[in-house]
Amino acid sequence: MELSLTQFVTLDGVYQAPGGPQEDPSDRFTHGGWSVPFGDADFGAFMDEVFGRVDAFLLGRRTYEIFAGYWPNITDPANPVAVKLNALPKYVATRTLARAHWAGTELLRGDLVTEVATLKARPGRELQVHGSGNLAHSLLANGLVDTLYLLTFPVLLGTGKRLFTADVQPTGLLLTDSRVTSSGVVIGTYRNAGAPRYGDYTEEAAAVR
């Protein structure tokens, strides 16, 4: 399986608490729920596409607990997100969660790189990470993300946890798909293209003279 990371971010790179005020108010964050006003049919259609490619989920503890408190109660067979989340394997990277009650959940307590490599070696399409900011940081720092679904919302917050930190592994990305929803969310699909390429504009300018 390939590992994909789906993240909602503001224009200034904040990923914290997109879905509601109580989702993650840590560090006195008061802007929770910033993504909600931008939900529309285009946004929903894209997320349905993403969930149509999943064969397993990898989640951080906080996101897992948020999902586990909501999605098991959604039993509509026409809801593709609920169907996949409730039916498919869910792996949780955690050192603090004692047990998991959501059916199909396995707790991962070993070395993250080793655990993820084992999961990616299994047959299937995508091993998907949704939200899970701390886990996302570790995956980006170790170059483990194959595809990045980045949804950038037209809002600036100034404060909040950032997705891309100084620990991120330098990585070149190939844009394979882009679209803009009717509410202005810019959706980019990026493939890991290995190490970044570098150049020097002064040398290029001299070459054309």
Protein backbone atom coordinates (compact mmCIF):
# COMPACT_ATOMS: atom_id res chain seq x y z
CA MET A 1 0.00 0.00 0.00
CA GLU A 2 1.02 3.57 -0.55
CA LEU A 3 0.68 6.04 2.29
CA SER A 4 -1.41 9.14 1.66
CA LEU A 5 -1.83 12.10 3.97
CA THR A 6 -4.97 14.25 3.79
CA GLN A 7 -4.71 17.58 5.56
CA PHE A 8 -6.85 20.70 5.89
CA VAL A 9 -4.76 23.84 6.34
CA THR A 10 -5.34 27.57 6.42
CA LEU A 11 -3.53 29.83 4.00
CA ASP A 12 -0.92 30.45 6.70
CA GLY A 13 -0.41 26.73 7.30
CA VAL A 14 -2.49 26.08 10.45
CA TYR A 15 -4.05 22.62 10.72
CA GLN A 16 -5.34 22.80 14.31
CA ALA A 17 -9.02 22.06 15.03
CA PRO A 18 -10.59 22.52 11.59
CA GLY A 19 -13.82 20.77 12.55
CA GLY A 20 -15.03 22.48 15.71
CA PRO A 21 -14.18 24.67 18.74
CA GLN A 22 -13.68 21.71 21.09
CA GLU A 23 -11.64 19.58 18.70
CA ASP A 24 -8.27 20.87 19.95
CA PRO A 25 -8.28 24.04 22.08
CA SER A 26 -4.73 23.42 23.35
CA ASP A 27 -2.38 26.41 23.67
CA ARG A 28 -5.47 28.61 24.07
CA PHE A 29 -6.47 28.16 20.43
CA THR A 30 -9.78 29.98 19.90
CA HIS A 31 -10.36 29.50 16.16
CA GLY A 32 -11.62 25.90 16.12
CA GLY A 33 -14.08 25.11 13.34
CA TRP A 34 -12.46 27.33 10.70
CA SER A 35 -13.02 24.86 7.86
CA VAL A 36 -16.74 24.31 8.42
CA PRO A 37 -18.11 27.35 6.53
CA PHE A 38 -16.36 26.17 3.36
CA GLY A 39 -17.98 22.75 3.11
CA ASP A 40 -19.83 22.40 -0.19
CA ALA A 41 -20.67 19.80 -2.84
CA ASP A 42 -17.23 20.12 -4.47
CA PHE A 43 -15.50 19.50 -1.16
CA GLY A 44 -17.72 16.51 -0.45
CA ALA A 45 -17.15 15.02 -3.88
CA PHE A 46 -13.39 15.22 -3.50
CA MET A 47 -13.46 13.56 -0.08
CA ASP A 48 -15.64 10.79 -1.49
CA GLU A 49 -12.98 10.24 -4.16
CA VAL A 50 -10.26 10.00 -1.53
CA PHE A 51 -12.19 7.51 0.56
CA GLY A 52 -12.87 5.52 -2.57
CA ARG A 53 -9.16 4.65 -2.74
CA VAL A 54 -8.59 3.53 0.84
CA ASP A 55 -7.85 0.01 2.09
CA ALA A 56 -6.69 0.88 5.63
CA PHE A 57 -6.32 3.86 7.94
CA LEU A 58 -3.37 5.04 10.03
CA LEU A 59 -4.34 7.58 12.68
CA GLY A 60 -2.86 9.46 15.61
CA ARG A 61 -4.44 9.04 19.03
CA ARG A 62 -6.30 12.37 19.15
CA THR A 63 -7.82 12.02 15.69
CA TYR A 64 -8.68 8.38 16.40
CA GLU A 65 -10.58 9.33 19.55
CA ILE A 66 -12.47 12.08 17.71
CA PHE A 67 -13.40 9.69 14.90
CA ALA A 68 -14.27 6.86 17.30
CA GLY A 69 -16.66 9.12 19.17
CA TYR A 70 -18.61 9.95 16.02
CA TRP A 71 -18.35 7.59 13.05
CA PRO A 72 -19.47 4.32 14.68
CA ASN A 73 -22.84 6.01 15.21
CA ILE A 74 -23.23 6.75 11.49
CA THR A 75 -24.74 3.60 9.96
CA ASP A 76 -26.12 4.97 6.68
CA PRO A 77 -24.90 2.55 3.95
CA ALA A 78 -24.98 5.44 1.48
CA ASN A 79 -22.35 7.37 3.44
CA PRO A 80 -19.02 6.33 1.87
CA VAL A 81 -16.90 7.85 4.64
CA ALA A 82 -18.76 6.07 7.43
CA VAL A 83 -18.82 2.78 5.56
CA LYS A 84 -15.06 2.77 5.00
CA LEU A 85 -14.12 3.99 8.48
CA ASN A 86 -16.33 1.44 10.18
CA ALA A 87 -15.44 -1.53 7.98
CA LEU A 88 -11.73 -1.19 7.18
CA PRO A 89 -8.68 -1.79 9.42
CA LYS A 90 -7.63 1.14 11.56
CA TYR A 91 -4.10 1.38 12.95
CA VAL A 92 -3.40 3.86 15.74
CA ALA A 93 0.11 5.10 16.47
CA THR A 94 0.07 5.65 20.22
CA ARG A 95 2.05 5.22 23.41
CA THR A 96 -0.75 6.34 25.73
CA LEU A 97 -4.00 4.72 24.55
CA ALA A 98 -4.63 1.65 26.71
CA ARG A 99 -7.27 -0.04 24.56
CA ALA A 100 -9.47 0.56 21.53
CA HIS A 101 -13.18 -0.27 21.43
CA TRP A 102 -13.88 0.61 17.78
CA ALA A 103 -14.10 -2.61 15.79
CA GLY A 104 -11.18 -3.27 13.48
CA THR A 105 -8.66 -1.19 15.44
CA GLU A 106 -5.06 -2.23 16.18
CA LEU A 107 -2.75 -0.18 18.38
CA LEU A 108 0.81 0.35 17.15
CA ARG A 109 3.31 0.82 19.96
CA GLY A 110 6.62 0.05 18.25
CA ASP A 111 9.04 2.17 16.25
CA LEU A 112 6.95 4.28 13.88
CA VAL A 113 9.19 3.88 10.83
CA THR A 114 9.27 0.11 11.25
CA GLU A 115 5.53 -0.14 11.89
CA VAL A 116 4.68 1.99 8.85
CA ALA A 117 7.08 0.07 6.61
CA THR A 118 5.35 -3.16 7.64
CA LEU A 119 1.92 -1.73 6.84
CA LYS A 120 3.04 -0.32 3.49
CA ALA A 121 4.43 -3.72 2.50
CA ARG A 122 0.95 -5.24 2.69
CA PRO A 123 -1.17 -5.55 -0.48
CA GLY A 124 -3.72 -2.84 -1.15
CA ARG A 125 -4.19 0.63 -2.54
CA GLU A 126 -3.87 3.44 0.02
CA LEU A 127 -3.02 3.46 3.70
CA GLN A 128 -4.64 6.78 4.55
CA VAL A 129 -3.78 9.30 7.26
CA HIS A 130 -6.40 11.94 7.99
CA GLY A 131 -5.64 14.84 10.30
CA SER A 132 -3.40 13.37 13.03
CA GLY A 133 -1.07 16.35 13.13
CA ASN A 134 1.63 14.95 15.42
CA LEU A 135 1.72 11.72 13.44
CA ALA A 136 1.85 13.71 10.20
CA HIS A 137 4.90 15.59 11.49
CA SER A 138 6.71 12.30 12.12
CA LEU A 139 5.75 10.88 8.74
CA LEU A 140 6.93 14.02 6.93
CA ALA A 141 10.15 14.08 8.95
CA ASN A 142 10.93 10.51 7.85
CA GLY A 143 9.90 10.86 4.20
CA LEU A 144 7.13 8.27 4.52
CA VAL A 145 4.34 10.11 2.68
CA ASP A 146 3.79 8.97 -0.91
CA THR A 147 0.80 11.19 -1.74
CA LEU A 148 -0.27 14.44 -0.07
CA TYR A 149 -3.85 15.63 -0.44
CA LEU A 150 -3.56 19.24 0.70
CA LEU A 151 -6.76 21.27 1.06
CA THR A 152 -5.94 24.95 1.59
CA PHE A 153 -8.77 27.06 2.96
CA PRO A 154 -9.03 30.82 2.27
CA VAL A 155 -8.58 32.00 5.83
CA LEU A 156 -5.70 33.41 7.89
CA LEU A 157 -5.51 32.72 11.62
CA GLY A 158 -2.08 33.87 12.74
CA THR A 159 -1.95 31.39 15.64
CA GLY A 160 -2.26 27.63 15.80
CA LYS A 161 -0.29 24.48 15.10
CA ARG A 162 1.45 24.41 11.72
CA LEU A 163 1.62 21.37 9.47
CA PHE A 164 5.07 22.00 8.01
CA THR A 165 7.75 22.44 10.65
CA ALA A 166 11.54 22.61 10.66
CA ASP A 167 11.66 18.81 11.03
CA VAL A 168 10.13 18.10 7.62
CA GLN A 169 12.40 16.11 5.32
CA PRO A 170 13.34 18.16 2.23
CA THR A 171 11.19 16.63 -0.50
CA GLY A 172 10.35 17.45 -4.09
CA LEU A 173 6.66 17.18 -4.96
CA LEU A 174 4.89 16.56 -8.25
CA LEU A 175 1.48 18.19 -8.60
CA THR A 176 -0.75 15.55 -10.21
CA ASP A 177 -4.15 17.19 -9.74
CA SER A 178 -5.52 20.56 -8.71
CA ARG A 179 -8.96 22.05 -8.38
CA VAL A 180 -10.79 24.86 -6.60
CA THR A 181 -14.14 24.34 -4.89
CA SER A 182 -17.01 26.77 -5.27
CA SER A 183 -16.24 28.12 -1.77
CA GLY A 184 -12.59 28.78 -2.64
CA VAL A 185 -10.78 25.79 -1.15
CA VAL A 186 -7.69 25.00 -3.24
CA ILE A 187 -7.15 21.24 -3.44
CA GLY A 188 -3.78 19.94 -4.57
CA THR A 189 -2.70 16.33 -4.99
CA TYR A 190 1.07 15.94 -4.71
CA ARG A 191 3.25 12.89 -5.30
CA ASN A 192 6.56 12.41 -3.53
CA ALA A 193 9.23 13.08 -6.16
CA GLY A 194 12.31 12.40 -4.04
CA ALA A 195 14.95 14.94 -3.16
CA PRO A 196 14.34 18.57 -4.20
CA ARG A 197 16.16 19.97 -7.21
CA TYR A 198 18.12 23.21 -6.89
CA GLY A 199 19.44 25.85 -9.23
CA ASP A 200 20.90 29.34 -9.41
CA TYR A 201 19.08 32.15 -11.24
CA THR A 202 22.27 34.15 -11.65
CA GLU A 203 23.89 31.29 -13.56
CA GLU A 204 20.79 30.83 -15.72
CA ALA A 205 20.68 34.55 -16.49
CA ALA A 206 24.34 34.51 -17.52
CA ALA A 207 23.76 31.53 -19.78
CA VAL A 208 21.17 33.36 -21.91
CA ARG A 209 23.27 36.45 -22.46
